[in-house]
Amino acid sequence: MRRITRDDAINAVGGADDFVIAQIIGTGATIDELAEAQAWIANDEPLMNAGRPLPRGRVGELVEILNELAADEDDREPNADAVIKET
């Protein structure tokens, strides 16, 4: 199994900064582990219903990094409910 490269990490998380890319590579995870972490992020309910244990080890580290990245992106999005009043 091949370890995650910089290009793999960039392709997986898009416009993440170098720090996040370094965190992902620093886990020492493989591409398969990154794909598993992304599956957990995308929708954990089917994995739990299939009896899969919660992610641990490198996959768990990746899930934490990806969750934090997603939370940061949510914080940066403009408020869609905001109303702009013209003066």
PDB file of N, CA and C in Angstrom:
ATOM      1  N   MET A   1       0.833  -1.183   0.000  1.00  0.00           N
ATOM      2  CA  MET A   1       0.000   0.000   0.000  1.00  0.00           C
ATOM      3  C   MET A   1       0.874   1.242   0.000  1.00  0.00           C
ATOM      4  N   ARG A   2       0.454   2.191  -0.826  1.00  0.00           N
ATOM      5  CA  ARG A   2       1.227   3.405  -1.007  1.00  0.00           C
ATOM      6  C   ARG A   2       0.800   4.470  -0.011  1.00  0.00           C
ATOM      7  N   ARG A   3       1.779   5.144   0.554  1.00  0.00           N
ATOM      8  CA  ARG A   3       1.528   6.249   1.489  1.00  0.00           C
ATOM      9  C   ARG A   3       1.014   7.465   0.731  1.00  0.00           C
ATOM     10  N   ILE A   4       0.316   8.323   1.438  1.00  0.00           N
ATOM     11  CA  ILE A   4      -0.230   9.543   0.859  1.00  0.00           C
ATOM     12  C   ILE A   4       0.908  10.484   0.466  1.00  0.00           C
ATOM     13  N   THR A   5       0.814  11.007  -0.736  1.00  0.00           N
ATOM     14  CA  THR A   5       1.776  12.008  -1.201  1.00  0.00           C
ATOM     15  C   THR A   5       1.125  13.388  -1.103  1.00  0.00           C
ATOM     16  N   ARG A   6       1.916  14.404  -1.337  1.00  0.00           N
ATOM     17  CA  ARG A   6       1.393  15.774  -1.331  1.00  0.00           C
ATOM     18  C   ARG A   6       0.275  15.916  -2.364  1.00  0.00           C
ATOM     19  N   ASP A   7       0.495  15.383  -3.559  1.00  0.00           N
ATOM     20  CA  ASP A   7      -0.525  15.471  -4.611  1.00  0.00           C
ATOM     21  C   ASP A   7      -1.811  14.759  -4.196  1.00  0.00           C
ATOM     22  N   ASP A   8      -1.679  13.599  -3.554  1.00  0.00           N
ATOM     23  CA  ASP A   8      -2.861  12.874  -3.076  1.00  0.00           C
ATOM     24  C   ASP A   8      -3.648  13.723  -2.087  1.00  0.00           C
ATOM     25  N   ALA A   9      -2.938  14.330  -1.152  1.00  0.00           N
ATOM     26  CA  ALA A   9      -3.594  15.141  -0.126  1.00  0.00           C
ATOM     27  C   ALA A   9      -4.269  16.357  -0.741  1.00  0.00           C
ATOM     28  N   ILE A  10      -3.604  17.002  -1.693  1.00  0.00           N
ATOM     29  CA  ILE A  10      -4.189  18.167  -2.354  1.00  0.00           C
ATOM     30  C   ILE A  10      -5.437  17.763  -3.130  1.00  0.00           C
ATOM     31  N   ASN A  11      -5.376  16.647  -3.828  1.00  0.00           N
ATOM     32  CA  ASN A  11      -6.535  16.174  -4.574  1.00  0.00           C
ATOM     33  C   ASN A  11      -7.696  15.822  -3.648  1.00  0.00           C
ATOM     34  N   ALA A  12      -7.383  15.334  -2.468  1.00  0.00           N
ATOM     35  CA  ALA A  12      -8.427  14.906  -1.533  1.00  0.00           C
ATOM     36  C   ALA A  12      -9.118  16.081  -0.852  1.00  0.00           C
ATOM     37  N   VAL A  13      -8.381  17.124  -0.523  1.00  0.00           N
ATOM     38  CA  VAL A  13      -8.956  18.217   0.268  1.00  0.00           C
ATOM     39  C   VAL A  13      -8.991  19.552  -0.460  1.00  0.00           C
ATOM     40  N   GLY A  14      -8.662  19.560  -1.715  1.00  0.00           N
ATOM     41  CA  GLY A  14      -8.797  20.786  -2.500  1.00  0.00           C
ATOM     42  C   GLY A  14      -7.889  21.900  -2.033  1.00  0.00           C
ATOM     43  N   GLY A  15      -8.495  23.018  -1.651  1.00  0.00           N
ATOM     44  CA  GLY A  15      -7.742  24.224  -1.354  1.00  0.00           C
ATOM     45  C   GLY A  15      -7.230  24.342   0.059  1.00  0.00           C
ATOM     46  N   ALA A  16      -6.937  23.238   0.712  1.00  0.00           N
ATOM     47  CA  ALA A  16      -6.408  23.301   2.076  1.00  0.00           C
ATOM     48  C   ALA A  16      -5.017  23.925   2.066  1.00  0.00           C
ATOM     49  N   ASP A  17      -4.670  24.544   3.177  1.00  0.00           N
ATOM     50  CA  ASP A  17      -3.352  25.168   3.268  1.00  0.00           C
ATOM     51  C   ASP A  17      -2.263  24.125   3.492  1.00  0.00           C
ATOM     52  N   ASP A  18      -1.020  24.576   3.397  1.00  0.00           N
ATOM     53  CA  ASP A  18       0.124  23.668   3.518  1.00  0.00           C
ATOM     54  C   ASP A  18       0.174  22.972   4.874  1.00  0.00           C
ATOM     55  N   PHE A  19      -0.286  23.647   5.925  1.00  0.00           N
ATOM     56  CA  PHE A  19      -0.271  23.049   7.255  1.00  0.00           C
ATOM     57  C   PHE A  19      -1.167  21.813   7.304  1.00  0.00           C
ATOM     58  N   VAL A  20      -2.371  21.924   6.746  1.00  0.00           N
ATOM     59  CA  VAL A  20      -3.305  20.791   6.740  1.00  0.00           C
ATOM     60  C   VAL A  20      -2.754  19.669   5.874  1.00  0.00           C
ATOM     61  N   ILE A  21      -2.202  20.015   4.732  1.00  0.00           N
ATOM     62  CA  ILE A  21      -1.600  19.007   3.852  1.00  0.00           C
ATOM     63  C   ILE A  21      -0.493  18.268   4.598  1.00  0.00           C
ATOM     64  N   ALA A  22       0.341  19.013   5.323  1.00  0.00           N
ATOM     65  CA  ALA A  22       1.425  18.402   6.097  1.00  0.00           C
ATOM     66  C   ALA A  22       0.869  17.510   7.203  1.00  0.00           C
ATOM     67  N   GLN A  23      -0.214  17.924   7.846  1.00  0.00           N
ATOM     68  CA  GLN A  23      -0.841  17.090   8.878  1.00  0.00           C
ATOM     69  C   GLN A  23      -1.310  15.764   8.290  1.00  0.00           C
ATOM     70  N   ILE A  24      -1.943  15.835   7.130  1.00  0.00           N
ATOM     71  CA  ILE A  24      -2.455  14.615   6.488  1.00  0.00           C
ATOM     72  C   ILE A  24      -1.299  13.684   6.144  1.00  0.00           C
ATOM     73  N   ILE A  25      -0.267  14.214   5.520  1.00  0.00           N
ATOM     74  CA  ILE A  25       0.898  13.398   5.154  1.00  0.00           C
ATOM     75  C   ILE A  25       1.579  12.863   6.413  1.00  0.00           C
ATOM     76  N   GLY A  26       1.626  13.695   7.453  1.00  0.00           N
ATOM     77  CA  GLY A  26       2.290  13.325   8.701  1.00  0.00           C
ATOM     78  C   GLY A  26       1.660  12.159   9.437  1.00  0.00           C
ATOM     79  N   THR A  27       0.429  11.811   9.096  1.00  0.00           N
ATOM     80  CA  THR A  27      -0.198  10.656   9.746  1.00  0.00           C
ATOM     81  C   THR A  27       0.466   9.356   9.321  1.00  0.00           C
ATOM     82  N   GLY A  28       1.133   9.386   8.163  1.00  0.00           N
ATOM     83  CA  GLY A  28       1.737   8.164   7.638  1.00  0.00           C
ATOM     84  C   GLY A  28       0.716   7.219   7.038  1.00  0.00           C
ATOM     85  N   ALA A  29      -0.479   7.732   6.794  1.00  0.00           N
ATOM     86  CA  ALA A  29      -1.570   6.904   6.285  1.00  0.00           C
ATOM     87  C   ALA A  29      -1.367   6.548   4.818  1.00  0.00           C
ATOM     88  N   THR A  30      -2.084   5.510   4.412  1.00  0.00           N
ATOM     89  CA  THR A  30      -2.078   5.095   3.015  1.00  0.00           C
ATOM     90  C   THR A  30      -3.260   5.752   2.297  1.00  0.00           C
ATOM     91  N   ILE A  31      -3.255   5.611   0.985  1.00  0.00           N
ATOM     92  CA  ILE A  31      -4.353   6.151   0.187  1.00  0.00           C
ATOM     93  C   ILE A  31      -5.668   5.461   0.571  1.00  0.00           C
ATOM     94  N   ASP A  32      -5.613   4.167   0.828  1.00  0.00           N
ATOM     95  CA  ASP A  32      -6.827   3.441   1.242  1.00  0.00           C
ATOM     96  C   ASP A  32      -7.362   3.982   2.566  1.00  0.00           C
ATOM     97  N   GLU A  33      -6.458   4.305   3.487  1.00  0.00           N
ATOM     98  CA  GLU A  33      -6.893   4.864   4.770  1.00  0.00           C
ATOM     99  C   GLU A  33      -7.504   6.248   4.590  1.00  0.00           C
ATOM    100  N   LEU A  34      -6.955   7.033   3.675  1.00  0.00           N
ATOM    101  CA  LEU A  34      -7.530   8.344   3.386  1.00  0.00           C
ATOM    102  C   LEU A  34      -8.927   8.190   2.788  1.00  0.00           C
ATOM    103  N   ALA A  35      -9.087   7.250   1.889  1.00  0.00           N
ATOM    104  CA  ALA A  35     -10.401   7.002   1.291  1.00  0.00           C
ATOM    105  C   ALA A  35     -11.401   6.555   2.358  1.00  0.00           C
ATOM    106  N   GLU A  36     -10.966   5.722   3.291  1.00  0.00           N
ATOM    107  CA  GLU A  36     -11.843   5.285   4.376  1.00  0.00           C
ATOM    108  C   GLU A  36     -12.244   6.464   5.265  1.00  0.00           C
ATOM    109  N   ALA A  37     -11.285   7.325   5.572  1.00  0.00           N
ATOM    110  CA  ALA A  37     -11.593   8.502   6.393  1.00  0.00           C
ATOM    111  C   ALA A  37     -12.588   9.404   5.670  1.00  0.00           C
ATOM    112  N   GLN A  38     -12.418   9.575   4.380  1.00  0.00           N
ATOM    113  CA  GLN A  38     -13.354  10.399   3.613  1.00  0.00           C
ATOM    114  C   GLN A  38     -14.752   9.773   3.605  1.00  0.00           C
ATOM    115  N   ALA A  39     -14.819   8.452   3.559  1.00  0.00           N
ATOM    116  CA  ALA A  39     -16.112   7.771   3.609  1.00  0.00           C
ATOM    117  C   ALA A  39     -16.794   8.020   4.950  1.00  0.00           C
ATOM    118  N   TRP A  40     -16.031   8.000   6.040  1.00  0.00           N
ATOM    119  CA  TRP A  40     -16.590   8.286   7.358  1.00  0.00           C
ATOM    120  C   TRP A  40     -17.107   9.721   7.417  1.00  0.00           C
ATOM    121  N   ILE A  41     -16.367  10.647   6.839  1.00  0.00           N
ATOM    122  CA  ILE A  41     -16.768  12.053   6.854  1.00  0.00           C
ATOM    123  C   ILE A  41     -18.038  12.243   6.027  1.00  0.00           C
ATOM    124  N   ALA A  42     -18.082  11.607   4.864  1.00  0.00           N
ATOM    125  CA  ALA A  42     -19.210  11.782   3.946  1.00  0.00           C
ATOM    126  C   ALA A  42     -20.509  11.257   4.548  1.00  0.00           C
ATOM    127  N   ASN A  43     -20.443  10.109   5.208  1.00  0.00           N
ATOM    128  CA  ASN A  43     -21.660   9.531   5.759  1.00  0.00           C
ATOM    129  C   ASN A  43     -21.291   8.354   6.644  1.00  0.00           C
ATOM    130  N   ASP A  44     -21.273   8.589   7.937  1.00  0.00           N
ATOM    131  CA  ASP A  44     -20.848   7.531   8.849  1.00  0.00           C
ATOM    132  C   ASP A  44     -21.946   6.536   9.192  1.00  0.00           C
ATOM    133  N   GLU A  45     -23.198   6.880   8.985  1.00  0.00           N
ATOM    134  CA  GLU A  45     -24.293   5.998   9.392  1.00  0.00           C
ATOM    135  C   GLU A  45     -24.253   4.624   8.706  1.00  0.00           C
ATOM    136  N   PRO A  46     -24.077   4.552   7.371  1.00  0.00           N
ATOM    137  CA  PRO A  46     -24.018   3.219   6.763  1.00  0.00           C
ATOM    138  C   PRO A  46     -22.851   2.376   7.275  1.00  0.00           C
ATOM    139  N   LEU A  47     -21.720   3.018   7.546  1.00  0.00           N
ATOM    140  CA  LEU A  47     -20.573   2.272   8.052  1.00  0.00           C
ATOM    141  C   LEU A  47     -20.861   1.726   9.445  1.00  0.00           C
ATOM    142  N   MET A  48     -21.516   2.529  10.277  1.00  0.00           N
ATOM    143  CA  MET A  48     -21.851   2.069  11.622  1.00  0.00           C
ATOM    144  C   MET A  48     -22.909   0.970  11.551  1.00  0.00           C
ATOM    145  N   ASN A  49     -23.887   1.122  10.655  1.00  0.00           N
ATOM    146  CA  ASN A  49     -24.928   0.104  10.505  1.00  0.00           C
ATOM    147  C   ASN A  49     -24.370  -1.211   9.990  1.00  0.00           C
ATOM    148  N   ALA A  50     -23.267  -1.144   9.252  1.00  0.00           N
ATOM    149  CA  ALA A  50     -22.619  -2.352   8.742  1.00  0.00           C
ATOM    150  C   ALA A  50     -21.747  -3.000   9.809  1.00  0.00           C
ATOM    151  N   GLY A  51     -21.743  -2.430  10.999  1.00  0.00           N
ATOM    152  CA  GLY A  51     -20.976  -3.007  12.096  1.00  0.00           C
ATOM    153  C   GLY A  51     -19.519  -2.609  12.117  1.00  0.00           C
ATOM    154  N   ARG A  52     -19.143  -1.610  11.334  1.00  0.00           N
ATOM    155  CA  ARG A  52     -17.752  -1.158  11.329  1.00  0.00           C
ATOM    156  C   ARG A  52     -17.459  -0.432  12.625  1.00  0.00           C
ATOM    157  N   PRO A  53     -16.327  -0.720  13.245  1.00  0.00           N
ATOM    158  CA  PRO A  53     -15.965   0.028  14.455  1.00  0.00           C
ATOM    159  C   PRO A  53     -15.630   1.472  14.103  1.00  0.00           C
ATOM    160  N   LEU A  54     -15.781   2.352  15.067  1.00  0.00           N
ATOM    161  CA  LEU A  54     -15.420   3.753  14.844  1.00  0.00           C
ATOM    162  C   LEU A  54     -13.946   3.825  14.461  1.00  0.00           C
ATOM    163  N   PRO A  55     -13.588   4.782  13.611  1.00  0.00           N
ATOM    164  CA  PRO A  55     -12.208   4.846  13.131  1.00  0.00           C
ATOM    165  C   PRO A  55     -11.213   5.118  14.249  1.00  0.00           C
ATOM    166  N   ARG A  56     -10.112   4.400  14.185  1.00  0.00           N
ATOM    167  CA  ARG A  56      -9.009   4.584  15.130  1.00  0.00           C
ATOM    168  C   ARG A  56      -7.712   4.656  14.356  1.00  0.00           C
ATOM    169  N   GLY A  57      -6.647   4.852  15.067  1.00  0.00           N
ATOM    170  CA  GLY A  57      -5.327   4.879  14.438  1.00  0.00           C
ATOM    171  C   GLY A  57      -5.220   5.977  13.408  1.00  0.00           C
ATOM    172  N   ARG A  58      -4.578   5.655  12.295  1.00  0.00           N
ATOM    173  CA  ARG A  58      -4.353   6.664  11.257  1.00  0.00           C
ATOM    174  C   ARG A  58      -5.656   7.145  10.629  1.00  0.00           C
ATOM    175  N   VAL A  59      -6.610   6.235  10.452  1.00  0.00           N
ATOM    176  CA  VAL A  59      -7.901   6.650   9.894  1.00  0.00           C
ATOM    177  C   VAL A  59      -8.586   7.609  10.853  1.00  0.00           C
ATOM    178  N   GLY A  60      -8.523   7.326  12.141  1.00  0.00           N
ATOM    179  CA  GLY A  60      -9.102   8.225  13.138  1.00  0.00           C
ATOM    180  C   GLY A  60      -8.440   9.594  13.118  1.00  0.00           C
ATOM    181  N   GLU A  61      -7.114   9.619  12.969  1.00  0.00           N
ATOM    182  CA  GLU A  61      -6.400  10.901  12.874  1.00  0.00           C
ATOM    183  C   GLU A  61      -6.864  11.687  11.657  1.00  0.00           C
ATOM    184  N   LEU A  62      -7.002  10.991  10.535  1.00  0.00           N
ATOM    185  CA  LEU A  62      -7.450  11.655   9.312  1.00  0.00           C
ATOM    186  C   LEU A  62      -8.871  12.191   9.468  1.00  0.00           C
ATOM    187  N   VAL A  63      -9.743  11.414  10.105  1.00  0.00           N
ATOM    188  CA  VAL A  63     -11.118  11.863  10.334  1.00  0.00           C
ATOM    189  C   VAL A  63     -11.111  13.155  11.156  1.00  0.00           C
ATOM    190  N   GLU A  64     -10.289  13.211  12.187  1.00  0.00           N
ATOM    191  CA  GLU A  64     -10.197  14.424  13.008  1.00  0.00           C
ATOM    192  C   GLU A  64      -9.724  15.615  12.178  1.00  0.00           C
ATOM    193  N   ILE A  65      -8.706  15.417  11.363  1.00  0.00           N
ATOM    194  CA  ILE A  65      -8.172  16.500  10.533  1.00  0.00           C
ATOM    195  C   ILE A  65      -9.236  16.965   9.542  1.00  0.00           C
ATOM    196  N   LEU A  66      -9.897  16.020   8.880  1.00  0.00           N
ATOM    197  CA  LEU A  66     -10.904  16.376   7.887  1.00  0.00           C
ATOM    198  C   LEU A  66     -12.123  17.035   8.519  1.00  0.00           C
ATOM    199  N   ASN A  67     -12.508  16.565   9.709  1.00  0.00           N
ATOM    200  CA  ASN A  67     -13.626  17.207  10.416  1.00  0.00           C
ATOM    201  C   ASN A  67     -13.287  18.646  10.776  1.00  0.00           C
ATOM    202  N   GLU A  68     -12.079  18.858  11.254  1.00  0.00           N
ATOM    203  CA  GLU A  68     -11.644  20.210  11.617  1.00  0.00           C
ATOM    204  C   GLU A  68     -11.611  21.107  10.381  1.00  0.00           C
ATOM    205  N   LEU A  69     -11.137  20.568   9.277  1.00  0.00           N
ATOM    206  CA  LEU A  69     -11.095  21.326   8.029  1.00  0.00           C
ATOM    207  C   LEU A  69     -12.509  21.695   7.587  1.00  0.00           C
ATOM    208  N   ALA A  70     -13.426  20.755   7.680  1.00  0.00           N
ATOM    209  CA  ALA A  70     -14.820  21.020   7.297  1.00  0.00           C
ATOM    210  C   ALA A  70     -15.441  22.076   8.203  1.00  0.00           C
ATOM    211  N   ALA A  71     -15.148  22.017   9.489  1.00  0.00           N
ATOM    212  CA  ALA A  71     -15.683  23.001  10.429  1.00  0.00           C
ATOM    213  C   ALA A  71     -15.131  24.390  10.123  1.00  0.00           C
ATOM    214  N   ASP A  72     -13.847  24.462   9.789  1.00  0.00           N
ATOM    215  CA  ASP A  72     -13.236  25.742   9.430  1.00  0.00           C
ATOM    216  C   ASP A  72     -13.873  26.313   8.167  1.00  0.00           C
ATOM    217  N   GLU A  73     -14.152  25.451   7.198  1.00  0.00           N
ATOM    218  CA  GLU A  73     -14.785  25.905   5.959  1.00  0.00           C
ATOM    219  C   GLU A  73     -16.196  26.413   6.235  1.00  0.00           C
ATOM    220  N   ASP A  74     -16.931  25.739   7.120  1.00  0.00           N
ATOM    221  CA  ASP A  74     -18.274  26.183   7.476  1.00  0.00           C
ATOM    222  C   ASP A  74     -18.239  27.556   8.126  1.00  0.00           C
ATOM    223  N   ASP A  75     -17.218  27.812   8.947  1.00  0.00           N
ATOM    224  CA  ASP A  75     -17.087  29.104   9.613  1.00  0.00           C
ATOM    225  C   ASP A  75     -16.808  30.226   8.628  1.00  0.00           C
ATOM    226  N   ARG A  76     -16.151  29.896   7.516  1.00  0.00           N
ATOM    227  CA  ARG A  76     -15.780  30.911   6.538  1.00  0.00           C
ATOM    228  C   ARG A  76     -16.895  31.232   5.549  1.00  0.00           C
ATOM    229  N   GLU A  77     -17.898  30.351   5.413  1.00  0.00           N
ATOM    230  CA  GLU A  77     -18.971  30.584   4.460  1.00  0.00           C
ATOM    231  C   GLU A  77     -19.829  31.749   4.911  1.00  0.00           C
ATOM    232  N   PRO A  78     -20.243  32.590   3.955  1.00  0.00           N
ATOM    233  CA  PRO A  78     -21.116  33.691   4.324  1.00  0.00           C
ATOM    234  C   PRO A  78     -22.457  33.161   4.802  1.00  0.00           C
ATOM    235  N   ASN A  79     -23.087  33.908   5.660  1.00  0.00           N
ATOM    236  CA  ASN A  79     -24.374  33.509   6.215  1.00  0.00           C
ATOM    237  C   ASN A  79     -25.433  33.652   5.133  1.00  0.00           C
ATOM    238  N   ALA A  80     -25.967  32.520   4.684  1.00  0.00           N
ATOM    239  CA  ALA A  80     -26.974  32.535   3.627  1.00  0.00           C
ATOM    240  C   ALA A  80     -28.276  33.138   4.097  1.00  0.00           C
ATOM    241  N   ASP A  81     -28.512  33.157   5.410  1.00  0.00           N
ATOM    242  CA  ASP A  81     -29.751  33.692   5.959  1.00  0.00           C
ATOM    243  C   ASP A  81     -29.692  35.198   6.193  1.00  0.00           C
ATOM    244  N   ALA A  82     -28.521  35.771   6.019  1.00  0.00           N
ATOM    245  CA  ALA A  82     -28.377  37.206   6.284  1.00  0.00           C
ATOM    246  C   ALA A  82     -29.164  38.011   5.259  1.00  0.00           C
ATOM    247  N   VAL A  83     -29.769  39.057   5.736  1.00  0.00           N
ATOM    248  CA  VAL A  83     -30.546  39.930   4.869  1.00  0.00           C
ATOM    249  C   VAL A  83     -29.775  41.235   4.715  1.00  0.00           C
ATOM    250  N   ILE A  84     -29.581  41.634   3.478  1.00  0.00           N
ATOM    251  CA  ILE A  84     -28.881  42.877   3.216  1.00  0.00           C
ATOM    252  C   ILE A  84     -29.917  43.957   3.033  1.00  0.00           C
ATOM    253  N   LYS A  85     -29.818  44.978   3.831  1.00  0.00           N
ATOM    254  CA  LYS A  85     -30.758  46.089   3.752  1.00  0.00           C
ATOM    255  C   LYS A  85     -30.109  47.236   3.007  1.00  0.00           C
ATOM    256  N   GLU A  86     -30.845  47.772   2.071  1.00  0.00           N
ATOM    257  CA  GLU A  86     -30.336  48.919   1.340  1.00  0.00           C
ATOM    258  C   GLU A  86     -30.736  50.188   2.084  1.00  0.00           C
ATOM    259  N   THR A  87     -29.860  51.169   2.080  1.00  0.00           N
ATOM    260  CA  THR A  87     -30.163  52.430   2.770  1.00  0.00           C
ATOM    261  C   THR A  87     -30.474  53.509   1.772  1.00  0.00           C
TER     262      THR A  87
END
